[in-house]
C-alpha cells in the first residue's frame, strides 16, 4: 500500500468514523484508534452506514482499528488526524505523544472546531508539521473542510493537506491564521448572535428565524456564497444597506439571554430531549434522517457551479497566502 493512500485517525468517535468514510470512499486505507475494543463493531457499523449514505461500499480490510497510536505503522501513513473529544488538555496529550512517535516528515492535523493549533502544539518540537483540519458535522455529507495554519505550520504542510482534501472530494478552505473560530465559524457565529438577539428582543420566534434563513437569504447560498451573491445584487446596494442596518445590530460580547437560560434548564436540544422544541427519540430520529437526506440532495445541487472570473481577474479582497 503506497504511503499517499493511507492515513490514521486518533479517536474514532462519530466524527472520526465519518472522516474515515470520506477516505475509504476514495480508495484510501484508514488506521484508527479507539481504546475500548467492545465498541469496535459499532465503529465499523457507523463507517459502513456513512459509506452507504454517500453511495460507496465498505471494504473492511481497508479499515483497521487499534487500541492506541503505538499500534499504527506510522511510516506508511500519508498523514495523521487527531479527532478525540473537544477537551484542550486531551488534545495536547495526544499531540505530545505524536510529536515523538510519528516520523517528523508526516503531517499531523487536529480536527478541532475552536482550539488554536498554535496552543495545542505549543510544546511540541515538530510544530511545523502540525495544522488544523476542521470538518463540519456530518463530515461525510458536508463538503467543506478548513485547512488552518498555526503560527509555526510550514506552508508546504498546509498545501499538502489542502491537496489531499481536494483529492478526496472535499472543498478545502485555506485559513491563514488560527484565530478563534477560524473562518467559517466566525461567519456562522455572527449570524447566530443576531439570530438569538432577534429572539431575545421578541422580534420573532425560533420558527420565524429558521424560516427567514432557509427560505430567504439562506436559500440563495446553495447557488452562490454571500460575496458572490452581493456581486450579483450590487456592492453599492450592500454598502447602503450596511450603513442603515449595522448600527442597530447586536454587538454584545455575552451569549444570548435565551440561549443561556435554555442551557441552564438542561434544554440542550436533541441530546437532552428538549430545547426550543421537545424531542422524543422517534421524532429526533426522523428529523435527523430528513436533515441528512436534504444535505445529500443539496450536495448534488452544489456540483453545479455558478461560474466566476478566475483568480487572475479578481480585483480586490483577496487574502495572500504563502504557498
Protein backbone atom coordinates (compact mmCIF):
# COMPACT_ATOMS: atom_id res chain seq x y z
CA UNK A 1 0.00 0.00 0.00
CA UNK A 2 1.59 3.30 -1.06
CA UNK A 3 2.03 5.92 1.60
CA UNK A 4 -0.11 8.52 -0.14
CA UNK A 5 -3.20 6.31 0.10
CA UNK A 6 -3.17 5.54 3.80
CA UNK A 7 -4.00 7.80 6.76
CA UNK A 8 -4.51 7.50 10.52
CA UNK A 9 -7.23 8.85 12.81
CA UNK A 10 -6.60 9.15 16.55
CA UNK A 11 -10.01 8.98 18.18
CA UNK A 12 -12.69 7.18 16.21
CA UNK A 13 -15.94 8.53 17.60
CA UNK A 14 -18.81 9.76 15.42
CA UNK A 15 -16.71 12.43 13.72
CA UNK A 16 -13.72 10.11 13.26
CA UNK A 17 -15.92 7.43 11.68
CA UNK A 18 -17.42 9.90 9.23
CA UNK A 19 -13.98 11.24 8.27
CA UNK A 20 -12.83 7.65 7.77
CA UNK A 21 -15.75 7.15 5.37
CA UNK A 22 -14.57 10.11 3.26
CA UNK A 23 -11.18 8.49 2.68
CA UNK A 24 -12.41 4.93 2.32
CA UNK A 25 -14.87 6.07 -0.35
CA UNK A 26 -11.91 7.39 -2.38
CA UNK A 27 -9.88 4.19 -2.18
CA UNK A 28 -7.69 5.05 0.80
CA UNK A 29 -6.93 2.77 3.74
CA UNK A 30 -7.58 4.08 7.24
CA UNK A 31 -6.00 3.10 10.55
CA UNK A 32 -7.98 4.41 13.52
CA UNK A 33 -7.74 4.20 17.29
CA UNK A 34 -10.37 3.67 19.96
CA UNK A 35 -9.34 2.16 23.27
CA UNK A 36 -12.48 0.15 24.08
CA UNK A 37 -12.45 -2.94 21.88
CA UNK A 38 -16.06 -3.63 22.86
CA UNK A 39 -17.06 -0.64 20.68
CA UNK A 40 -15.14 -1.71 17.59
CA UNK A 41 -18.03 -3.42 15.87
CA UNK A 42 -20.23 -0.36 16.46
CA UNK A 43 -17.50 1.80 14.92
CA UNK A 44 -17.38 -0.43 11.85
CA UNK A 45 -21.16 -0.24 11.51
CA UNK A 46 -21.05 3.57 11.74
CA UNK A 47 -18.46 3.69 8.97
CA UNK A 48 -20.49 1.23 6.89
CA UNK A 49 -23.64 3.34 7.31
CA UNK A 50 -21.84 6.59 6.43
CA UNK A 51 -20.37 4.99 3.30
CA UNK A 52 -23.83 3.78 2.30
CA UNK A 53 -25.14 7.35 2.52
CA UNK A 54 -22.55 8.53 0.01
CA UNK A 55 -23.00 5.51 -2.23
CA UNK A 56 -19.73 3.73 -1.52
CA UNK A 57 -19.12 0.10 -0.49
CA UNK A 58 -17.43 -0.85 2.77
CA UNK A 59 -14.17 -2.77 2.37
CA UNK A 60 -13.40 -3.90 5.94
CA UNK A 61 -9.84 -4.91 5.08
CA UNK A 62 -9.04 -1.21 4.45
CA UNK A 63 -10.35 -0.04 7.84
CA UNK A 64 -8.11 -1.13 10.71
CA UNK A 65 -8.79 -0.41 14.36
CA UNK A 66 -6.15 -0.18 17.10
CA UNK A 67 -6.30 0.45 20.82
CA UNK A 68 -3.52 3.04 20.81
CA UNK A 69 -1.44 5.11 18.40
CA UNK A 70 1.54 2.84 19.05
CA UNK A 71 -0.21 0.11 17.08
CA UNK A 72 -0.15 2.13 13.85
CA UNK A 73 2.54 1.60 11.23
CA UNK A 74 3.31 5.33 11.01
CA UNK A 75 5.97 5.27 8.27
CA UNK A 76 3.24 4.06 5.88
CA UNK A 77 0.85 6.94 6.68
CA UNK A 78 0.41 9.99 4.45
CA UNK A 79 -0.77 11.99 7.46
CA UNK A 80 -2.41 11.65 10.86
CA UNK A 81 -5.59 13.30 12.14
CA UNK A 82 -6.42 13.76 15.82
CA UNK A 83 -10.18 13.54 16.42
CA UNK A 84 -10.54 12.99 20.16
CA UNK A 85 -13.25 14.80 22.18
CA UNK A 86 -13.09 18.60 22.31
CA UNK A 87 -11.05 18.80 25.52
CA UNK A 88 -7.97 21.00 25.23
CA UNK A 89 -5.77 19.07 27.66
CA UNK A 90 -6.61 15.77 25.95
CA UNK A 91 -5.67 17.14 22.55
CA UNK A 92 -2.40 18.44 23.97
CA UNK A 93 -1.65 15.00 25.39
CA UNK A 94 -2.28 13.36 22.02
CA UNK A 95 -0.02 15.79 20.17
CA UNK A 96 2.72 15.46 22.79
CA UNK A 97 2.70 11.71 22.12
CA UNK A 98 2.55 12.02 18.33
CA UNK A 99 5.34 14.61 18.41
CA UNK A 100 7.87 11.89 19.21
CA UNK A 101 6.04 8.79 17.96
CA UNK A 102 5.40 9.83 14.34
CA UNK A 103 8.27 10.37 11.86
CA UNK A 104 8.82 14.13 11.54
CA UNK A 105 8.10 14.32 7.79
CA UNK A 106 4.48 13.13 8.23
CA UNK A 107 1.92 15.94 8.66
CA UNK A 108 -0.31 15.89 11.73
CA UNK A 109 -3.65 17.68 12.00
CA UNK A 110 -6.22 18.37 14.69
CA UNK A 111 -9.92 18.21 13.95
CA UNK A 112 -10.84 20.90 16.45
CA UNK A 113 -13.70 23.33 15.90
CA UNK A 114 -12.37 26.05 18.17
CA UNK A 115 -8.99 25.45 19.83
CA UNK A 116 -5.93 27.01 18.23
CA UNK A 117 -3.42 24.54 16.82
CA UNK A 118 -0.70 27.01 17.89
CA UNK A 119 -1.68 26.40 21.52
CA UNK A 120 -2.30 22.67 21.20
CA UNK A 121 1.17 22.23 19.67
CA UNK A 122 2.90 24.92 21.73
CA UNK A 123 5.26 22.49 23.50
CA UNK A 124 5.89 20.21 20.51
CA UNK A 125 9.28 20.05 18.85
CA UNK A 126 7.75 19.39 15.41
CA UNK A 127 5.00 22.03 15.47
CA UNK A 128 5.98 22.99 11.92
CA UNK A 129 4.25 19.83 10.59
CA UNK A 130 1.07 20.40 12.64
CA UNK A 131 -2.05 22.12 11.29
CA UNK A 132 -5.81 22.22 11.70
CA UNK A 133 -8.35 20.32 9.61
CA UNK A 134 -11.79 21.49 10.63
CA UNK A 135 -14.57 19.25 9.29
CA UNK A 136 -18.25 20.10 9.71
CA UNK A 137 -20.85 17.71 11.08
CA UNK A 138 -21.81 15.40 9.48
CA UNK A 139 -18.31 15.31 7.98
CA UNK A 140 -19.04 12.83 5.18
CA UNK A 141 -22.01 14.89 3.93
CA UNK A 142 -20.76 18.47 4.32
CA UNK A 143 -18.18 19.12 1.57
CA UNK A 144 -16.20 21.93 3.23
CA UNK A 145 -13.11 21.46 5.40
CA UNK A 146 -10.92 24.25 6.73
CA UNK A 147 -7.14 23.88 6.43
CA UNK A 148 -5.80 26.05 9.24
CA UNK A 149 -2.21 27.25 9.57
CA UNK A 150 -0.83 27.66 13.06
CA UNK A 151 1.88 30.13 13.95
CA UNK A 152 4.57 27.51 13.24
CA UNK A 153 2.88 25.50 10.49
CA UNK A 154 5.09 25.22 7.42
CA UNK A 155 3.50 26.46 4.19
CA UNK A 156 4.24 23.21 2.35
CA UNK A 157 2.49 21.18 5.08
CA UNK A 158 -0.70 23.25 4.72
CA UNK A 159 -0.55 22.86 0.96
CA UNK A 160 -0.07 19.09 1.20
CA UNK A 161 -3.14 18.81 3.40
CA UNK A 162 -5.08 21.10 1.04
CA UNK A 163 -4.15 18.85 -1.89
CA UNK A 164 -5.19 15.71 0.00
CA UNK A 165 -8.57 17.23 0.88
CA UNK A 166 -9.11 18.14 -2.76
CA UNK A 167 -8.16 14.62 -3.86
CA UNK A 168 -10.79 13.01 -1.63
CA UNK A 169 -13.55 15.25 -2.94
CA UNK A 170 -13.71 17.89 -0.22
CA UNK A 171 -13.97 21.65 -0.75
CA UNK A 172 -10.97 22.86 1.27
CA UNK A 173 -10.71 26.40 2.60
CA UNK A 174 -7.32 27.96 3.29
CA UNK A 175 -7.28 29.73 6.65
CA UNK A 176 -4.13 31.81 7.03
CA UNK A 177 -4.19 32.07 10.86
CA UNK A 178 -5.81 30.02 13.62
CA UNK A 179 -7.81 32.81 15.22
CA UNK A 180 -10.79 31.74 17.42
CA UNK A 181 -13.46 30.24 15.20
CA UNK A 182 -11.09 30.09 12.19
CA UNK A 183 -13.03 31.41 9.17
CA UNK A 184 -16.36 29.62 8.75
CA UNK A 185 -17.37 29.58 12.41
CA UNK A 186 -16.65 33.30 12.74
CA UNK A 187 -19.19 33.94 9.99
CA UNK A 188 -21.62 31.36 11.39
CA UNK A 189 -21.47 32.77 14.92
CA UNK A 190 -22.01 36.31 13.68
CA UNK A 191 -25.26 35.01 12.22
CA UNK A 192 -26.11 33.04 15.36
CA UNK A 193 -25.51 36.03 17.62
CA UNK A 194 -28.04 38.09 15.67
CA UNK A 195 -30.45 35.14 15.35
CA UNK A 196 -30.62 34.73 19.13
CA UNK A 197 -30.77 38.52 19.61
CA UNK A 198 -33.88 38.59 17.40
CA UNK A 199 -35.48 36.01 19.72
CA UNK A 200 -34.31 37.85 22.88
CA UNK A 201 -35.89 41.07 21.62
CA UNK A 202 -39.19 39.41 20.72
CA UNK A 203 -38.81 40.32 17.07
CA UNK A 204 -39.58 36.75 16.04
CA UNK A 205 -39.73 33.15 17.23
CA UNK A 206 -37.29 30.31 16.63
CA UNK A 207 -39.56 29.15 13.81
CA UNK A 208 -39.55 32.64 12.27
CA UNK A 209 -35.76 32.79 12.36
CA UNK A 210 -35.36 29.39 10.73
CA UNK A 211 -37.92 30.22 8.02
CA UNK A 212 -36.23 33.55 7.26
CA UNK A 213 -32.85 31.87 6.76
CA UNK A 214 -33.93 28.68 4.97
CA UNK A 215 -36.44 30.24 2.58
CA UNK A 216 -34.97 33.76 2.39
CA UNK A 217 -31.33 34.70 2.06
CA UNK A 218 -30.02 31.24 3.06
CA UNK A 219 -31.84 29.65 0.13
CA UNK A 220 -29.58 31.58 -2.25
CA UNK A 221 -26.39 30.30 -0.63
CA UNK A 222 -26.75 26.89 -2.28
CA UNK A 223 -26.17 28.68 -5.60
CA UNK A 224 -23.78 31.43 -4.52
CA UNK A 225 -21.89 32.40 -1.37
CA UNK A 226 -22.61 35.74 0.32
CA UNK A 227 -19.88 37.68 -1.50
CA UNK A 228 -20.78 36.42 -4.99
CA UNK A 229 -24.48 36.95 -4.27
CA UNK A 230 -23.82 40.59 -3.38
CA UNK A 231 -21.67 40.93 -6.50
CA UNK A 232 -24.79 39.93 -8.46
CA UNK A 233 -27.07 42.26 -6.48
CA UNK A 234 -24.67 45.21 -6.45
CA UNK A 235 -21.99 46.13 -3.93
CA UNK A 236 -23.38 49.67 -3.79
CA UNK A 237 -26.69 48.23 -2.59
CA UNK A 238 -24.85 46.26 0.08
CA UNK A 239 -22.99 49.40 1.20
CA UNK A 240 -26.20 51.40 1.52
CA UNK A 241 -27.91 48.61 3.49
CA UNK A 242 -24.86 48.23 5.74
CA UNK A 243 -24.92 51.91 6.66
CA UNK A 244 -28.59 51.65 7.58
CA UNK A 245 -28.65 48.28 9.38
CA UNK A 246 -25.25 47.84 11.05
CA UNK A 247 -25.76 50.45 13.80
CA UNK A 248 -28.78 48.53 15.14
CA UNK A 249 -27.24 45.03 15.07
CA UNK A 250 -26.44 43.34 18.36
CA UNK A 251 -22.74 43.57 19.18
CA UNK A 252 -22.68 42.23 22.74
CA UNK A 253 -19.79 40.09 23.93
CA UNK A 254 -22.00 37.81 26.04
CA UNK A 255 -24.13 34.92 24.71
CA UNK A 256 -27.87 35.38 24.26
CA UNK A 257 -30.12 35.52 27.35
CA UNK A 258 -32.48 32.97 25.80
CA UNK A 259 -29.62 30.60 24.95
CA UNK A 260 -28.11 30.90 28.42
CA UNK A 261 -31.44 30.21 30.14
CA UNK A 262 -32.24 27.19 27.97
CA UNK A 263 -28.89 25.55 28.69
CA UNK A 264 -29.24 26.32 32.42
CA UNK A 265 -32.57 24.46 32.32
CA UNK A 266 -30.87 21.49 30.59
CA UNK A 267 -32.85 22.25 27.44
CA UNK A 268 -29.91 21.44 25.15
CA UNK A 269 -31.77 20.23 22.09
CA UNK A 270 -31.95 16.66 20.84
CA UNK A 271 -29.17 15.46 23.17
CA UNK A 272 -31.32 16.21 26.25
CA UNK A 273 -34.74 15.69 24.63
CA UNK A 274 -35.71 19.36 24.95
CA UNK A 275 -34.61 22.69 23.51
CA UNK A 276 -36.83 25.18 21.72
CA UNK A 277 -38.77 22.05 20.82
CA UNK A 278 -39.47 18.79 22.65
CA UNK A 279 -37.82 15.71 21.15
CA UNK A 280 -38.99 12.16 21.56
CA UNK A 281 -36.49 9.53 20.33
CA UNK A 282 -38.68 8.79 17.30
CA UNK A 283 -39.06 12.46 16.40
CA UNK A 284 -35.35 13.05 16.80
CA UNK A 285 -34.51 10.06 14.63
CA UNK A 286 -36.90 11.01 11.82
CA UNK A 287 -35.86 14.67 11.88
CA UNK A 288 -32.14 13.84 11.71
CA UNK A 289 -32.81 11.42 8.85
CA UNK A 290 -34.70 14.11 6.92
CA UNK A 291 -31.89 16.60 7.66
CA UNK A 292 -29.22 14.26 6.29
CA UNK A 293 -31.28 13.39 3.22
CA UNK A 294 -31.70 17.10 2.50
CA UNK A 295 -27.95 17.66 2.89
CA UNK A 296 -27.28 14.90 0.36
CA UNK A 297 -29.70 16.50 -2.10
CA UNK A 298 -28.07 19.90 -1.55
CA UNK A 299 -24.63 18.41 -2.17
CA UNK A 300 -25.81 17.18 -5.55
CA UNK A 301 -27.03 20.68 -6.38
CA UNK A 302 -23.67 22.15 -5.36
CA UNK A 303 -21.98 20.07 -8.06
CA UNK A 304 -23.42 22.60 -10.49
CA UNK A 305 -21.05 25.55 -10.14
CA UNK A 306 -22.02 29.14 -10.91
CA UNK A 307 -19.06 30.39 -12.96
CA UNK A 308 -16.98 33.32 -11.68
CA UNK A 309 -13.88 35.04 -13.07
CA UNK A 310 -10.69 33.14 -12.33
CA UNK A 311 -8.29 34.23 -9.60
CA UNK A 312 -6.17 36.28 -12.02
CA UNK A 313 -9.18 38.51 -12.72
CA UNK A 314 -10.11 39.07 -9.08
CA UNK A 315 -9.53 42.74 -8.35
CA UNK A 316 -9.94 43.15 -4.58
CA UNK A 317 -10.45 41.47 -1.25
CA UNK A 318 -8.07 38.60 -1.88
CA UNK A 319 -6.01 37.36 1.05
CA UNK A 320 -2.46 36.38 0.21
CA UNK A 321 -1.11 33.00 1.28
CA UNK A 322 2.37 31.59 1.39
CA UNK A 323 2.45 28.63 -0.97
